[in-house]
Protein backbone atom coordinates (compact mmCIF):
# COMPACT_ATOMS: atom_id res chain seq x y z
CA UNK A 1 22.08 -48.46 -52.08
CA UNK A 2 24.74 -51.17 -51.91
CA UNK A 3 25.76 -52.76 -48.65
CA UNK A 4 28.88 -51.38 -47.05
CA UNK A 5 31.04 -52.70 -44.26
CA UNK A 6 31.98 -50.04 -41.73
CA UNK A 7 34.20 -51.13 -38.87
CA UNK A 8 32.36 -54.04 -37.30
CA UNK A 9 28.87 -53.31 -38.62
CA UNK A 10 27.12 -53.23 -41.97
CA UNK A 11 25.13 -50.35 -43.47
CA UNK A 12 22.40 -51.57 -45.81
CA UNK A 13 18.88 -50.83 -47.03
CA UNK A 14 16.23 -51.90 -44.54
CA UNK A 15 14.28 -55.08 -45.22
CA UNK A 16 10.92 -56.37 -44.01
CA UNK A 17 12.69 -58.53 -41.42
CA UNK A 18 14.04 -55.31 -39.81
CA UNK A 19 10.59 -53.85 -39.10
CA UNK A 20 10.32 -55.06 -35.47
CA UNK A 21 13.74 -53.61 -34.61
CA UNK A 22 12.94 -50.37 -36.43
CA UNK A 23 9.67 -50.18 -34.49
CA UNK A 24 11.52 -50.62 -31.21
CA UNK A 25 13.99 -47.88 -32.12
CA UNK A 26 11.20 -45.62 -33.39
CA UNK A 27 9.41 -46.02 -30.06
CA UNK A 28 12.68 -45.08 -28.34
CA UNK A 29 12.79 -41.93 -30.48
CA UNK A 30 9.25 -41.05 -29.40
CA UNK A 31 10.10 -41.64 -25.70
CA UNK A 32 13.27 -39.54 -25.85
CA UNK A 33 11.51 -36.63 -27.53
CA UNK A 34 8.60 -36.81 -25.11
CA UNK A 35 11.09 -36.73 -22.24
CA UNK A 36 12.69 -33.62 -23.78
CA UNK A 37 9.36 -31.76 -23.84
CA UNK A 38 6.14 -33.59 -22.90
CA UNK A 39 3.98 -30.66 -24.01
CA UNK A 40 5.44 -30.59 -27.53
CA UNK A 41 6.08 -34.23 -28.38
CA UNK A 42 3.71 -37.20 -28.51
CA UNK A 43 3.65 -39.52 -25.53
CA UNK A 44 4.56 -43.13 -26.26
CA UNK A 45 1.83 -45.71 -25.84
CA UNK A 46 1.90 -49.51 -25.73
CA UNK A 47 1.10 -49.40 -29.48
CA UNK A 48 3.90 -47.01 -30.47
CA UNK A 49 6.49 -49.69 -31.24
CA UNK A 50 4.14 -51.71 -33.45
CA UNK A 51 2.64 -48.62 -35.10
CA UNK A 52 6.00 -47.04 -35.86
CA UNK A 53 7.37 -50.27 -37.27
CA UNK A 54 4.26 -50.90 -39.34
CA UNK A 55 4.32 -47.42 -40.80
CA UNK A 56 8.00 -47.57 -41.75
CA UNK A 57 7.52 -51.10 -43.06
CA UNK A 58 4.83 -49.75 -45.38
CA UNK A 59 7.36 -47.22 -46.72
CA UNK A 60 10.09 -49.74 -47.66
CA UNK A 61 9.10 -49.92 -51.33
CA UNK A 62 8.18 -46.26 -51.79
CA UNK A 63 10.55 -44.89 -54.47
CA UNK A 64 11.01 -41.49 -52.82
CA UNK A 65 11.82 -43.02 -49.41
CA UNK A 66 15.13 -44.24 -48.04
CA UNK A 67 15.31 -46.44 -44.95
CA UNK A 68 18.78 -47.63 -44.02
CA UNK A 69 19.91 -49.78 -41.10
CA UNK A 70 23.19 -50.42 -39.37
CA UNK A 71 23.44 -54.08 -38.46
CA UNK A 72 25.90 -56.35 -36.69
CA UNK A 73 25.46 -60.11 -36.65
CA UNK A 74 21.76 -59.82 -37.48
CA UNK A 75 21.07 -57.16 -34.81
CA UNK A 76 19.85 -53.74 -35.97
CA UNK A 77 21.91 -51.07 -34.19
CA UNK A 78 20.15 -48.04 -35.69
CA UNK A 79 18.31 -46.72 -38.70
CA UNK A 80 17.60 -43.64 -40.77
CA UNK A 81 14.38 -42.70 -42.51
CA UNK A 82 14.55 -40.05 -45.22
CA UNK A 83 12.74 -39.01 -48.36
CA UNK A 84 12.98 -36.82 -51.42
CA UNK A 85 10.34 -34.09 -51.52
CA UNK A 86 9.38 -31.42 -54.04
CA UNK A 87 8.53 -27.79 -53.40
CA UNK A 88 7.02 -27.13 -49.98
CA UNK A 89 5.54 -23.65 -49.75
CA UNK A 90 4.64 -24.12 -46.08
CA UNK A 91 8.35 -24.69 -45.38
CA UNK A 92 9.40 -22.03 -47.94
CA UNK A 93 11.81 -24.43 -49.61
CA UNK A 94 12.44 -26.00 -52.94
CA UNK A 95 13.05 -29.68 -53.64
CA UNK A 96 15.11 -31.36 -50.95
CA UNK A 97 16.02 -34.54 -49.25
CA UNK A 98 14.47 -34.63 -45.80
CA UNK A 99 15.98 -36.64 -42.97
CA UNK A 100 12.97 -37.59 -40.86
CA UNK A 101 14.59 -39.98 -38.36
CA UNK A 102 18.02 -41.06 -37.29
CA UNK A 103 18.31 -43.17 -34.18
CA UNK A 104 20.97 -45.46 -32.77
CA UNK A 105 20.37 -47.89 -29.92
CA UNK A 106 21.92 -46.29 -26.80
CA UNK A 107 24.13 -49.36 -26.25
CA UNK A 108 25.80 -48.71 -29.62
CA UNK A 109 26.27 -44.95 -29.54
CA UNK A 110 29.69 -43.37 -29.68
CA UNK A 111 31.10 -45.97 -32.08
CA UNK A 112 30.45 -44.26 -35.43
CA UNK A 113 27.11 -45.92 -36.15
CA UNK A 114 25.18 -42.64 -36.34
CA UNK A 115 27.77 -41.00 -38.57
CA UNK A 116 27.89 -44.02 -40.89
CA UNK A 117 24.09 -44.02 -41.15
CA UNK A 118 24.04 -40.27 -41.80
CA UNK A 119 26.75 -40.48 -44.47
CA UNK A 120 24.99 -43.36 -46.24
CA UNK A 121 21.70 -41.50 -46.15
CA UNK A 122 23.27 -38.33 -47.57
CA UNK A 123 24.86 -40.38 -50.37
CA UNK A 124 21.52 -42.03 -51.17
CA UNK A 125 19.67 -38.70 -51.22
CA UNK A 126 22.33 -37.18 -53.47
CA UNK A 127 22.11 -40.19 -55.82
CA UNK A 128 18.36 -39.55 -56.09
CA UNK A 129 18.96 -35.96 -57.14
CA UNK A 130 18.27 -34.11 -53.90
CA UNK A 131 19.96 -30.70 -54.18
CA UNK A 132 20.06 -30.21 -50.39
CA UNK A 133 19.08 -32.05 -47.22
CA UNK A 134 17.04 -30.57 -44.39
CA UNK A 135 16.22 -31.96 -40.99
CA UNK A 136 14.79 -30.99 -37.63
CA UNK A 137 16.30 -31.83 -34.29
CA UNK A 138 14.97 -31.37 -30.79
CA UNK A 139 16.32 -28.27 -29.07
CA UNK A 140 17.71 -30.37 -26.22
CA UNK A 141 19.28 -33.05 -28.44
CA UNK A 142 22.79 -31.61 -28.38
CA UNK A 143 24.59 -34.84 -29.37
CA UNK A 144 22.52 -35.02 -32.57
CA UNK A 145 23.17 -31.35 -33.28
CA UNK A 146 26.92 -31.90 -32.94
CA UNK A 147 26.71 -34.86 -35.34
CA UNK A 148 24.79 -32.80 -37.90
CA UNK A 149 27.14 -29.82 -37.58
CA UNK A 150 30.16 -32.10 -38.07
CA UNK A 151 28.54 -33.31 -41.31
CA UNK A 152 28.17 -29.74 -42.62
CA UNK A 153 24.59 -28.91 -41.61
CA UNK A 154 23.84 -25.33 -40.57
CA UNK A 155 20.96 -23.88 -38.59
CA UNK A 156 18.27 -22.32 -40.77
CA UNK A 157 15.03 -22.43 -38.75
CA UNK A 158 14.04 -22.36 -35.11
CA UNK A 159 10.71 -23.92 -34.14
CA UNK A 160 8.92 -22.18 -31.31
CA UNK A 161 5.96 -23.62 -29.44
CA UNK A 162 3.35 -22.02 -27.21
CA UNK A 163 0.64 -23.97 -25.48
CA UNK A 164 -2.81 -22.45 -25.90
CA UNK A 165 -4.59 -24.65 -23.43
CA UNK A 166 -3.61 -25.49 -19.87
CA UNK A 167 -2.50 -29.01 -19.10
CA UNK A 168 -5.96 -29.67 -17.64
CA UNK A 169 -7.78 -28.07 -20.59
CA UNK A 170 -9.11 -25.24 -18.43
CA UNK A 171 -7.85 -22.22 -20.35
CA UNK A 172 -10.50 -19.48 -20.17
CA UNK A 173 -9.78 -18.34 -23.73
CA UNK A 174 -10.20 -21.88 -25.07
CA UNK A 175 -13.44 -22.25 -23.10
CA UNK A 176 -14.69 -18.99 -24.63
CA UNK A 177 -13.82 -20.17 -28.15
CA UNK A 178 -15.53 -23.52 -27.57
CA UNK A 179 -18.63 -21.80 -26.18
CA UNK A 180 -18.73 -19.38 -29.13
CA UNK A 181 -18.55 -22.22 -31.63
CA UNK A 182 -21.32 -24.11 -29.84
CA UNK A 183 -23.56 -21.05 -30.01
CA UNK A 184 -22.92 -20.50 -33.73
CA UNK A 185 -23.45 -24.19 -34.54
CA UNK A 186 -27.08 -24.10 -33.35
């Protein structure tokens, strides 16, 4: 993907030097989702920023992966993480580009950064032969849903979650299942 100037920021492929900023933004993504629904989404830890950055840094040279940043004067404003996948029978879909992450630093939202990142990611996925792009968004993330709808995405799936164990782990049914498995393991 070539670099492109958009307004007062640049859209470009991520580089190793961007990993700390990507990790910080990835940790923000984890915090926001956890705040949306603490039972569904992972809680951030002191290691989240480093772990997220390290993982995405390890993906930078993977041919099927696209990581793009928006940058102004050496400061990463946001990033996208996407990939090209084949058939996925668990998802009941054929080959597709998958947008895993899109996040913009809150201080830079509302200035076209997210849309520029999304457009560049869609172009990159199309250039790699993806026939469609799928993504998931948190139910409560209405600004992201508006962005995706404005880019032509339509709703196709609804994830539903049900907790099987109480917050304190005291569900009677779960206790019964655990006890049954202990008895059969003897």
